[in-house]
Amino acid sequence: MDDLVKQAMAKWPNVPDCYGWLGLDARGNWFMRDDRTQALGGFASGLAGSKGAELRHDKLLAFIGRNYAPDARGCWAFQNGPQRVFVELQATPLVWRLQPDGHVHDHMGHVAVVQSCWLDDLGWLYLATDLGFGLVHSQDVAQAALQIEQGVWSPQDTTQANLETQFGFVKSPELLHNK
């Protein structure tokens, strides 16, 4: 976490948390969701326009990446100064990109060590790593298949319905907050 963020948290400890305004899609793209966008439906609903505006500013994306982490409940958030901005997930909190040299990076560029491989009932491929749990990017599935064929990874079965409980993350912190 950035030092300036830590200082802001200490200076303003009682800033309310923010829900529904930031989303992460299944391809590792961040989306800003204003009130109008949120009114169209939940981030993962698939309804036209409900994702919001994709963030593309490199420095903002790097700042989010440095300050993105889970809380004790498995809700992932971006610490924006003194305010914690909880992230709505389309799929998982991390999206894995496979590199030609065999390394695995998350959607923010952090290198991870693969601990296990999982295949769900819809055919989606996931990796559990030292950084957390995430979906293999759709463009990297062919490369992942090579890892499986070569015996580097051995997929275990899971179901999409059990992912959150099994791997300890929350897709919609907003829904959890509003219970």
N, C-alpha and C. Protein backbone atom coordinates (compact mmCIF):
# COMPACT_ATOMS: atom_id res chain seq x y z
N MET A 1 0.85 -1.18 0.00
CA MET A 1 0.00 0.00 0.00
C MET A 1 0.89 1.24 0.00
N ASP A 2 0.52 2.24 -0.75
CA ASP A 2 1.28 3.48 -0.84
C ASP A 2 1.36 4.17 0.52
N ASP A 3 2.49 4.79 0.81
CA ASP A 3 2.66 5.52 2.07
C ASP A 3 1.66 6.65 2.21
N LEU A 4 1.38 7.37 1.11
CA LEU A 4 0.40 8.46 1.17
C LEU A 4 -0.99 7.95 1.54
N VAL A 5 -1.32 6.76 1.08
CA VAL A 5 -2.61 6.16 1.43
C VAL A 5 -2.64 5.85 2.92
N LYS A 6 -1.57 5.27 3.45
CA LYS A 6 -1.50 4.96 4.88
C LYS A 6 -1.62 6.23 5.72
N GLN A 7 -0.97 7.30 5.29
CA GLN A 7 -1.04 8.57 6.02
C GLN A 7 -2.46 9.14 6.00
N ALA A 8 -3.12 9.04 4.85
CA ALA A 8 -4.49 9.54 4.74
C ALA A 8 -5.43 8.74 5.63
N MET A 9 -5.22 7.43 5.70
CA MET A 9 -6.05 6.58 6.56
C MET A 9 -5.89 6.95 8.03
N ALA A 10 -4.65 7.26 8.43
CA ALA A 10 -4.40 7.65 9.82
C ALA A 10 -5.00 9.02 10.12
N LYS A 11 -4.94 9.93 9.16
CA LYS A 11 -5.44 11.29 9.35
C LYS A 11 -6.96 11.34 9.38
N TRP A 12 -7.61 10.52 8.54
CA TRP A 12 -9.07 10.49 8.44
C TRP A 12 -9.55 9.06 8.62
N PRO A 13 -9.62 8.57 9.84
CA PRO A 13 -9.94 7.16 10.06
C PRO A 13 -11.42 6.77 9.89
N ASN A 14 -12.31 7.73 9.83
CA ASN A 14 -13.73 7.40 9.82
C ASN A 14 -14.44 7.72 8.51
N VAL A 15 -13.72 7.68 7.40
CA VAL A 15 -14.34 7.92 6.11
C VAL A 15 -15.17 6.69 5.74
N PRO A 16 -16.43 6.85 5.36
CA PRO A 16 -17.27 5.68 5.04
C PRO A 16 -16.77 4.93 3.81
N ASP A 17 -17.00 3.63 3.82
CA ASP A 17 -16.64 2.79 2.69
C ASP A 17 -17.54 3.09 1.50
N CYS A 18 -17.05 2.76 0.33
CA CYS A 18 -17.77 3.01 -0.92
C CYS A 18 -18.10 1.66 -1.56
N TYR A 19 -19.34 1.49 -2.01
CA TYR A 19 -19.78 0.24 -2.63
C TYR A 19 -20.40 0.52 -4.00
N GLY A 20 -20.16 -0.40 -4.94
CA GLY A 20 -20.82 -0.36 -6.23
C GLY A 20 -20.17 0.49 -7.30
N TRP A 21 -19.16 1.26 -6.96
CA TRP A 21 -18.60 2.24 -7.89
C TRP A 21 -17.44 1.72 -8.73
N LEU A 22 -16.86 0.58 -8.37
CA LEU A 22 -15.72 0.06 -9.11
C LEU A 22 -15.94 -1.42 -9.39
N GLY A 23 -15.70 -1.83 -10.64
CA GLY A 23 -15.88 -3.22 -11.02
C GLY A 23 -14.66 -3.76 -11.73
N LEU A 24 -14.47 -5.07 -11.61
CA LEU A 24 -13.41 -5.79 -12.32
C LEU A 24 -14.05 -6.88 -13.16
N ASP A 25 -13.81 -6.84 -14.48
CA ASP A 25 -14.45 -7.85 -15.33
C ASP A 25 -13.59 -9.11 -15.46
N ALA A 26 -14.10 -10.08 -16.19
CA ALA A 26 -13.44 -11.38 -16.32
C ALA A 26 -12.18 -11.33 -17.18
N ARG A 27 -11.89 -10.19 -17.77
CA ARG A 27 -10.68 -10.02 -18.57
C ARG A 27 -9.66 -9.12 -17.87
N GLY A 28 -9.95 -8.76 -16.61
CA GLY A 28 -9.01 -7.96 -15.83
C GLY A 28 -9.08 -6.47 -16.09
N ASN A 29 -10.20 -6.01 -16.63
CA ASN A 29 -10.40 -4.58 -16.89
C ASN A 29 -11.20 -3.95 -15.76
N TRP A 30 -10.80 -2.74 -15.38
CA TRP A 30 -11.49 -1.99 -14.32
C TRP A 30 -12.54 -1.08 -14.94
N PHE A 31 -13.69 -0.95 -14.24
CA PHE A 31 -14.78 -0.11 -14.71
C PHE A 31 -15.27 0.80 -13.59
N MET A 32 -15.45 2.08 -13.92
CA MET A 32 -16.06 3.05 -13.01
C MET A 32 -17.56 3.04 -13.26
N ARG A 33 -18.33 2.94 -12.15
CA ARG A 33 -19.78 2.79 -12.26
C ARG A 33 -20.49 3.93 -11.52
N ASP A 34 -20.93 4.92 -12.25
CA ASP A 34 -21.62 6.05 -11.62
C ASP A 34 -23.05 5.64 -11.23
N ASP A 35 -23.79 6.56 -10.63
CA ASP A 35 -25.16 6.27 -10.17
C ASP A 35 -26.05 5.76 -11.30
N ARG A 36 -25.97 6.39 -12.46
CA ARG A 36 -26.81 6.00 -13.60
C ARG A 36 -26.50 4.56 -14.02
N THR A 37 -25.21 4.23 -14.07
CA THR A 37 -24.79 2.88 -14.45
C THR A 37 -25.26 1.86 -13.42
N GLN A 38 -25.10 2.18 -12.14
CA GLN A 38 -25.53 1.26 -11.08
C GLN A 38 -27.03 1.01 -11.14
N ALA A 39 -27.80 2.02 -11.54
CA ALA A 39 -29.26 1.87 -11.64
C ALA A 39 -29.66 0.88 -12.75
N LEU A 40 -28.77 0.63 -13.70
CA LEU A 40 -29.06 -0.30 -14.79
C LEU A 40 -28.97 -1.76 -14.36
N GLY A 41 -28.32 -2.02 -13.23
CA GLY A 41 -28.20 -3.39 -12.74
C GLY A 41 -26.83 -3.66 -12.15
N GLY A 42 -26.70 -4.82 -11.55
CA GLY A 42 -25.45 -5.21 -10.93
C GLY A 42 -24.34 -5.39 -11.95
N PHE A 43 -23.11 -5.28 -11.52
CA PHE A 43 -21.96 -5.34 -12.41
C PHE A 43 -21.92 -6.64 -13.21
N ALA A 44 -22.18 -7.75 -12.57
CA ALA A 44 -22.10 -9.05 -13.24
C ALA A 44 -23.42 -9.47 -13.89
N SER A 45 -24.39 -8.57 -13.95
CA SER A 45 -25.71 -8.93 -14.46
C SER A 45 -25.73 -9.20 -15.96
N GLY A 46 -24.79 -8.61 -16.68
CA GLY A 46 -24.78 -8.79 -18.13
C GLY A 46 -25.71 -7.85 -18.87
N LEU A 47 -26.42 -7.00 -18.14
CA LEU A 47 -27.33 -6.04 -18.78
C LEU A 47 -26.53 -4.95 -19.50
N ALA A 48 -27.00 -4.55 -20.65
CA ALA A 48 -26.32 -3.53 -21.45
C ALA A 48 -26.09 -2.27 -20.64
N GLY A 49 -24.85 -1.81 -20.64
CA GLY A 49 -24.50 -0.57 -19.96
C GLY A 49 -24.24 -0.69 -18.47
N SER A 50 -24.45 -1.87 -17.87
CA SER A 50 -24.32 -1.99 -16.41
C SER A 50 -22.87 -2.10 -15.93
N LYS A 51 -21.94 -2.30 -16.86
CA LYS A 51 -20.52 -2.36 -16.46
C LYS A 51 -19.97 -0.98 -16.12
N GLY A 52 -20.33 0.03 -16.91
CA GLY A 52 -19.82 1.37 -16.69
C GLY A 52 -18.75 1.73 -17.69
N ALA A 53 -17.92 2.70 -17.31
CA ALA A 53 -16.86 3.20 -18.19
C ALA A 53 -15.54 2.55 -17.84
N GLU A 54 -14.88 1.97 -18.85
CA GLU A 54 -13.61 1.30 -18.59
C GLU A 54 -12.53 2.33 -18.25
N LEU A 55 -11.76 2.05 -17.21
CA LEU A 55 -10.65 2.90 -16.83
C LEU A 55 -9.45 2.56 -17.70
N ARG A 56 -8.80 3.59 -18.24
CA ARG A 56 -7.68 3.36 -19.16
C ARG A 56 -6.44 4.17 -18.80
N HIS A 57 -6.50 5.00 -17.80
CA HIS A 57 -5.38 5.87 -17.43
C HIS A 57 -4.31 5.03 -16.71
N ASP A 58 -3.14 4.91 -17.31
CA ASP A 58 -2.08 4.02 -16.80
C ASP A 58 -1.71 4.30 -15.35
N LYS A 59 -1.56 5.56 -14.98
CA LYS A 59 -1.16 5.88 -13.60
C LYS A 59 -2.27 5.54 -12.61
N LEU A 60 -3.52 5.75 -12.98
CA LEU A 60 -4.63 5.38 -12.11
C LEU A 60 -4.69 3.87 -11.95
N LEU A 61 -4.52 3.14 -13.05
CA LEU A 61 -4.54 1.68 -12.98
C LEU A 61 -3.41 1.15 -12.10
N ALA A 62 -2.24 1.75 -12.20
CA ALA A 62 -1.10 1.34 -11.37
C ALA A 62 -1.39 1.64 -9.89
N PHE A 63 -2.01 2.80 -9.61
CA PHE A 63 -2.37 3.16 -8.23
C PHE A 63 -3.37 2.16 -7.65
N ILE A 64 -4.37 1.81 -8.44
CA ILE A 64 -5.35 0.82 -7.99
C ILE A 64 -4.63 -0.50 -7.71
N GLY A 65 -3.75 -0.90 -8.62
CA GLY A 65 -3.03 -2.16 -8.47
C GLY A 65 -2.17 -2.23 -7.21
N ARG A 66 -1.59 -1.12 -6.82
CA ARG A 66 -0.75 -1.09 -5.61
C ARG A 66 -1.57 -1.11 -4.33
N ASN A 67 -2.82 -0.74 -4.42
CA ASN A 67 -3.65 -0.55 -3.23
C ASN A 67 -4.90 -1.42 -3.25
N TYR A 68 -4.83 -2.56 -3.90
CA TYR A 68 -5.94 -3.51 -4.07
C TYR A 68 -5.66 -4.75 -3.22
N ALA A 69 -6.57 -5.06 -2.32
CA ALA A 69 -6.36 -6.21 -1.42
C ALA A 69 -7.70 -6.63 -0.81
N PRO A 70 -7.75 -7.85 -0.27
CA PRO A 70 -8.99 -8.32 0.37
C PRO A 70 -9.05 -7.92 1.84
N ASP A 71 -10.28 -7.86 2.36
CA ASP A 71 -10.44 -7.70 3.81
C ASP A 71 -10.63 -9.09 4.42
N ALA A 72 -10.92 -9.14 5.70
CA ALA A 72 -11.05 -10.41 6.42
C ALA A 72 -12.24 -11.24 5.93
N ARG A 73 -13.24 -10.59 5.30
CA ARG A 73 -14.43 -11.31 4.80
C ARG A 73 -14.23 -11.88 3.41
N GLY A 74 -13.12 -11.49 2.73
CA GLY A 74 -12.90 -11.90 1.35
C GLY A 74 -13.44 -10.92 0.34
N CYS A 75 -13.79 -9.72 0.82
CA CYS A 75 -14.23 -8.65 -0.07
C CYS A 75 -12.98 -7.90 -0.53
N TRP A 76 -12.81 -7.78 -1.83
CA TRP A 76 -11.64 -7.08 -2.36
C TRP A 76 -11.97 -5.61 -2.53
N ALA A 77 -10.99 -4.76 -2.20
CA ALA A 77 -11.20 -3.32 -2.24
C ALA A 77 -9.94 -2.61 -2.68
N PHE A 78 -10.14 -1.42 -3.18
CA PHE A 78 -9.07 -0.50 -3.54
C PHE A 78 -9.07 0.59 -2.47
N GLN A 79 -7.94 0.76 -1.80
CA GLN A 79 -7.83 1.78 -0.76
C GLN A 79 -7.47 3.09 -1.43
N ASN A 80 -8.43 3.99 -1.56
CA ASN A 80 -8.26 5.27 -2.23
C ASN A 80 -8.11 6.35 -1.18
N GLY A 81 -6.87 6.56 -0.73
CA GLY A 81 -6.65 7.48 0.38
C GLY A 81 -7.34 6.92 1.60
N PRO A 82 -8.15 7.74 2.30
CA PRO A 82 -8.81 7.24 3.50
C PRO A 82 -10.06 6.40 3.22
N GLN A 83 -10.49 6.36 1.97
CA GLN A 83 -11.73 5.65 1.64
C GLN A 83 -11.44 4.29 0.99
N ARG A 84 -12.11 3.27 1.50
CA ARG A 84 -12.01 1.93 0.92
C ARG A 84 -13.14 1.78 -0.10
N VAL A 85 -12.76 1.49 -1.36
CA VAL A 85 -13.70 1.34 -2.46
C VAL A 85 -13.80 -0.15 -2.77
N PHE A 86 -14.90 -0.76 -2.37
CA PHE A 86 -15.08 -2.19 -2.60
C PHE A 86 -15.37 -2.46 -4.07
N VAL A 87 -14.83 -3.58 -4.55
CA VAL A 87 -14.87 -3.90 -5.97
C VAL A 87 -15.91 -4.99 -6.25
N GLU A 88 -16.77 -4.72 -7.23
CA GLU A 88 -17.71 -5.70 -7.73
C GLU A 88 -16.98 -6.56 -8.75
N LEU A 89 -17.05 -7.87 -8.60
CA LEU A 89 -16.31 -8.79 -9.45
C LEU A 89 -17.25 -9.49 -10.43
N GLN A 90 -16.88 -9.50 -11.69
CA GLN A 90 -17.64 -10.28 -12.67
C GLN A 90 -17.35 -11.76 -12.49
N ALA A 91 -16.10 -12.09 -12.14
CA ALA A 91 -15.72 -13.49 -12.01
C ALA A 91 -14.94 -13.74 -10.72
N THR A 92 -13.71 -13.28 -10.66
CA THR A 92 -12.81 -13.53 -9.52
C THR A 92 -12.03 -12.26 -9.21
N PRO A 93 -11.36 -12.22 -8.05
CA PRO A 93 -10.62 -11.00 -7.68
C PRO A 93 -9.34 -10.79 -8.48
N LEU A 94 -8.84 -11.85 -9.10
CA LEU A 94 -7.63 -11.75 -9.91
C LEU A 94 -7.88 -12.42 -11.26
N VAL A 95 -7.23 -11.91 -12.28
CA VAL A 95 -7.29 -12.50 -13.62
C VAL A 95 -5.86 -12.77 -14.03
N TRP A 96 -5.58 -14.03 -14.39
CA TRP A 96 -4.21 -14.46 -14.68
C TRP A 96 -3.87 -14.33 -16.15
N ARG A 97 -2.68 -13.78 -16.40
CA ARG A 97 -2.09 -13.72 -17.74
C ARG A 97 -0.87 -14.63 -17.75
N LEU A 98 -0.82 -15.52 -18.71
CA LEU A 98 0.29 -16.45 -18.82
C LEU A 98 1.33 -15.86 -19.77
N GLN A 99 2.57 -15.93 -19.35
CA GLN A 99 3.66 -15.35 -20.12
C GLN A 99 4.37 -16.44 -20.93
N PRO A 100 4.97 -16.08 -22.06
CA PRO A 100 5.66 -17.07 -22.89
C PRO A 100 6.78 -17.82 -22.14
N ASP A 101 7.38 -17.17 -21.14
CA ASP A 101 8.47 -17.81 -20.39
C ASP A 101 7.96 -18.73 -19.28
N GLY A 102 6.63 -18.90 -19.17
CA GLY A 102 6.05 -19.78 -18.17
C GLY A 102 5.60 -19.08 -16.91
N HIS A 103 5.96 -17.82 -16.72
CA HIS A 103 5.51 -17.08 -15.54
C HIS A 103 4.02 -16.76 -15.65
N VAL A 104 3.41 -16.54 -14.49
CA VAL A 104 2.01 -16.16 -14.42
C VAL A 104 1.95 -14.80 -13.71
N HIS A 105 1.24 -13.85 -14.34
CA HIS A 105 1.06 -12.51 -13.76
C HIS A 105 -0.43 -12.28 -13.55
N ASP A 106 -0.77 -11.51 -12.51
CA ASP A 106 -2.17 -11.11 -12.39
C ASP A 106 -2.44 -9.95 -13.34
N HIS A 107 -3.67 -9.51 -13.39
CA HIS A 107 -4.07 -8.45 -14.32
C HIS A 107 -3.40 -7.11 -14.04
N MET A 108 -2.69 -7.00 -12.92
CA MET A 108 -1.97 -5.78 -12.59
C MET A 108 -0.47 -5.92 -12.79
N GLY A 109 -0.04 -7.12 -13.21
CA GLY A 109 1.38 -7.34 -13.50
C GLY A 109 2.19 -7.99 -12.40
N HIS A 110 1.56 -8.36 -11.27
CA HIS A 110 2.29 -9.01 -10.18
C HIS A 110 2.54 -10.48 -10.51
N VAL A 111 3.79 -10.92 -10.32
CA VAL A 111 4.16 -12.31 -10.60
C VAL A 111 3.64 -13.21 -9.48
N ALA A 112 3.06 -14.34 -9.88
CA ALA A 112 2.48 -15.28 -8.91
C ALA A 112 3.10 -16.66 -9.08
N VAL A 113 3.02 -17.44 -8.01
CA VAL A 113 3.45 -18.84 -8.03
C VAL A 113 2.18 -19.70 -7.95
N VAL A 114 1.99 -20.53 -8.97
CA VAL A 114 0.79 -21.37 -9.04
C VAL A 114 0.88 -22.49 -8.01
N GLN A 115 -0.20 -22.64 -7.24
CA GLN A 115 -0.30 -23.70 -6.24
C GLN A 115 -1.23 -24.82 -6.67
N SER A 116 -2.30 -24.46 -7.39
CA SER A 116 -3.23 -25.47 -7.89
C SER A 116 -4.03 -24.90 -9.06
N CYS A 117 -4.63 -25.81 -9.81
CA CYS A 117 -5.38 -25.47 -11.01
C CYS A 117 -6.78 -26.07 -10.87
N TRP A 118 -7.79 -25.33 -11.33
CA TRP A 118 -9.19 -25.74 -11.14
C TRP A 118 -9.97 -25.53 -12.42
N LEU A 119 -10.90 -26.44 -12.70
CA LEU A 119 -11.77 -26.36 -13.85
C LEU A 119 -13.21 -26.46 -13.35
N ASP A 120 -14.05 -25.47 -13.72
CA ASP A 120 -15.42 -25.50 -13.23
C ASP A 120 -16.37 -26.20 -14.19
N ASP A 121 -17.62 -26.28 -13.80
CA ASP A 121 -18.65 -26.97 -14.56
C ASP A 121 -19.00 -26.29 -15.87
N LEU A 122 -18.55 -25.06 -16.08
CA LEU A 122 -18.77 -24.35 -17.35
C LEU A 122 -17.54 -24.37 -18.25
N GLY A 123 -16.46 -25.02 -17.76
CA GLY A 123 -15.23 -25.10 -18.55
C GLY A 123 -14.27 -23.94 -18.35
N TRP A 124 -14.50 -23.11 -17.33
CA TRP A 124 -13.60 -22.00 -17.04
C TRP A 124 -12.43 -22.52 -16.22
N LEU A 125 -11.24 -22.01 -16.49
CA LEU A 125 -10.03 -22.47 -15.83
C LEU A 125 -9.54 -21.41 -14.84
N TYR A 126 -9.17 -21.87 -13.65
CA TYR A 126 -8.75 -20.99 -12.56
C TYR A 126 -7.41 -21.46 -12.00
N LEU A 127 -6.70 -20.52 -11.37
CA LEU A 127 -5.47 -20.85 -10.67
C LEU A 127 -5.54 -20.31 -9.25
N ALA A 128 -5.14 -21.14 -8.29
CA ALA A 128 -4.92 -20.68 -6.92
C ALA A 128 -3.41 -20.46 -6.82
N THR A 129 -3.02 -19.29 -6.32
CA THR A 129 -1.60 -18.93 -6.27
C THR A 129 -1.25 -18.33 -4.91
N ASP A 130 0.00 -17.98 -4.76
CA ASP A 130 0.44 -17.32 -3.54
C ASP A 130 -0.17 -15.93 -3.40
N LEU A 131 -0.69 -15.34 -4.47
CA LEU A 131 -1.33 -14.01 -4.40
C LEU A 131 -2.84 -14.09 -4.22
N GLY A 132 -3.41 -15.26 -4.47
CA GLY A 132 -4.85 -15.42 -4.36
C GLY A 132 -5.40 -16.25 -5.50
N PHE A 133 -6.71 -16.23 -5.61
CA PHE A 133 -7.43 -17.06 -6.57
C PHE A 133 -7.89 -16.21 -7.75
N GLY A 134 -7.80 -16.78 -8.96
CA GLY A 134 -8.27 -16.02 -10.11
C GLY A 134 -8.53 -16.87 -11.33
N LEU A 135 -9.16 -16.24 -12.28
CA LEU A 135 -9.54 -16.82 -13.56
C LEU A 135 -8.41 -16.66 -14.56
N VAL A 136 -8.14 -17.69 -15.35
CA VAL A 136 -7.19 -17.57 -16.44
C VAL A 136 -7.85 -16.75 -17.55
N HIS A 137 -7.16 -15.72 -18.02
CA HIS A 137 -7.67 -14.85 -19.08
C HIS A 137 -8.04 -15.69 -20.31
N SER A 138 -9.15 -15.35 -20.94
CA SER A 138 -9.64 -16.14 -22.07
C SER A 138 -8.62 -16.24 -23.20
N GLN A 139 -7.79 -15.22 -23.39
CA GLN A 139 -6.79 -15.26 -24.45
C GLN A 139 -5.62 -16.19 -24.13
N ASP A 140 -5.54 -16.66 -22.88
CA ASP A 140 -4.41 -17.48 -22.46
C ASP A 140 -4.79 -18.93 -22.21
N VAL A 141 -6.02 -19.31 -22.52
CA VAL A 141 -6.48 -20.68 -22.27
C VAL A 141 -5.69 -21.70 -23.09
N ALA A 142 -5.36 -21.38 -24.33
CA ALA A 142 -4.58 -22.32 -25.16
C ALA A 142 -3.20 -22.56 -24.54
N GLN A 143 -2.58 -21.51 -24.05
CA GLN A 143 -1.28 -21.65 -23.39
C GLN A 143 -1.42 -22.45 -22.10
N ALA A 144 -2.51 -22.25 -21.38
CA ALA A 144 -2.76 -23.02 -20.15
C ALA A 144 -2.96 -24.49 -20.48
N ALA A 145 -3.62 -24.77 -21.61
CA ALA A 145 -3.83 -26.16 -22.03
C ALA A 145 -2.50 -26.87 -22.22
N LEU A 146 -1.50 -26.15 -22.71
CA LEU A 146 -0.16 -26.75 -22.87
C LEU A 146 0.43 -27.12 -21.51
N GLN A 147 0.23 -26.26 -20.52
CA GLN A 147 0.73 -26.55 -19.17
C GLN A 147 0.07 -27.82 -18.62
N ILE A 148 -1.21 -27.97 -18.94
CA ILE A 148 -1.95 -29.15 -18.48
C ILE A 148 -1.48 -30.40 -19.24
N GLU A 149 -1.35 -30.29 -20.55
CA GLU A 149 -0.89 -31.42 -21.36
C GLU A 149 0.50 -31.89 -20.97
N GLN A 150 1.35 -30.94 -20.58
CA GLN A 150 2.73 -31.27 -20.18
C GLN A 150 2.82 -31.75 -18.74
N GLY A 151 1.69 -31.78 -18.04
CA GLY A 151 1.67 -32.26 -16.66
C GLY A 151 2.15 -31.26 -15.63
N VAL A 152 2.33 -30.00 -16.03
CA VAL A 152 2.75 -28.95 -15.09
C VAL A 152 1.60 -28.64 -14.13
N TRP A 153 0.39 -28.57 -14.69
CA TRP A 153 -0.81 -28.33 -13.89
C TRP A 153 -1.76 -29.51 -14.08
N SER A 154 -2.44 -29.85 -13.01
CA SER A 154 -3.44 -30.92 -13.06
C SER A 154 -4.76 -30.37 -12.52
N PRO A 155 -5.70 -30.03 -13.40
CA PRO A 155 -6.94 -29.39 -12.94
C PRO A 155 -7.77 -30.29 -12.03
N GLN A 156 -8.28 -29.66 -11.00
CA GLN A 156 -9.22 -30.30 -10.09
C GLN A 156 -10.61 -29.75 -10.40
N ASP A 157 -11.62 -30.55 -10.16
CA ASP A 157 -12.99 -30.13 -10.46
C ASP A 157 -13.57 -29.24 -9.37
N THR A 158 -14.35 -28.26 -9.80
CA THR A 158 -15.11 -27.40 -8.92
C THR A 158 -16.36 -26.97 -9.66
N THR A 159 -17.21 -26.22 -9.00
CA THR A 159 -18.38 -25.66 -9.67
C THR A 159 -18.36 -24.15 -9.51
N GLN A 160 -18.89 -23.47 -10.50
CA GLN A 160 -18.92 -22.02 -10.44
C GLN A 160 -19.71 -21.55 -9.21
N ALA A 161 -20.76 -22.28 -8.86
CA ALA A 161 -21.59 -21.91 -7.72
C ALA A 161 -20.84 -21.97 -6.39
N ASN A 162 -19.80 -22.79 -6.31
CA ASN A 162 -19.05 -22.96 -5.05
C ASN A 162 -17.77 -22.13 -4.95
N LEU A 163 -17.39 -21.43 -6.00
CA LEU A 163 -16.10 -20.74 -6.03
C LEU A 163 -15.90 -19.78 -4.86
N GLU A 164 -16.88 -18.93 -4.60
CA GLU A 164 -16.72 -17.91 -3.56
C GLU A 164 -16.47 -18.56 -2.20
N THR A 165 -17.26 -19.55 -1.86
CA THR A 165 -17.10 -20.24 -0.57
C THR A 165 -15.81 -21.03 -0.53
N GLN A 166 -15.53 -21.77 -1.58
CA GLN A 166 -14.35 -22.64 -1.62
C GLN A 166 -13.05 -21.85 -1.56
N PHE A 167 -13.01 -20.69 -2.22
CA PHE A 167 -11.76 -19.94 -2.31
C PHE A 167 -11.78 -18.62 -1.53
N GLY A 168 -12.83 -18.37 -0.77
CA GLY A 168 -12.85 -17.27 0.18
C GLY A 168 -12.86 -15.87 -0.39
N PHE A 169 -13.68 -15.64 -1.41
CA PHE A 169 -13.83 -14.28 -1.92
C PHE A 169 -15.31 -13.97 -2.10
N VAL A 170 -15.62 -12.68 -2.23
CA VAL A 170 -17.00 -12.22 -2.37
C VAL A 170 -17.11 -11.45 -3.68
N LYS A 171 -17.99 -11.90 -4.58
CA LYS A 171 -18.16 -11.22 -5.86
C LYS A 171 -18.79 -9.84 -5.71
N SER A 172 -19.78 -9.74 -4.81
CA SER A 172 -20.48 -8.47 -4.66
C SER A 172 -20.47 -8.02 -3.20
N PRO A 173 -19.44 -7.26 -2.81
CA PRO A 173 -19.43 -6.73 -1.44
C PRO A 173 -20.65 -5.85 -1.15
N GLU A 174 -21.18 -5.22 -2.19
CA GLU A 174 -22.36 -4.37 -2.01
C GLU A 174 -23.55 -5.19 -1.52
N LEU A 175 -23.75 -6.36 -2.11
CA LEU A 175 -24.87 -7.22 -1.67
C LEU A 175 -24.66 -7.68 -0.23
N LEU A 176 -23.43 -8.02 0.12
CA LEU A 176 -23.10 -8.43 1.48
C LEU A 176 -23.34 -7.27 2.46
N HIS A 177 -22.96 -6.07 2.05
CA HIS A 177 -23.11 -4.86 2.88
C HIS A 177 -24.59 -4.53 3.10
N ASN A 178 -25.41 -4.77 2.10
CA ASN A 178 -26.83 -4.38 2.17
C ASN A 178 -27.72 -5.44 2.84
N LYS A 179 -27.12 -6.56 3.27
CA LYS A 179 -27.94 -7.60 3.96
C LYS A 179 -28.39 -7.14 5.30
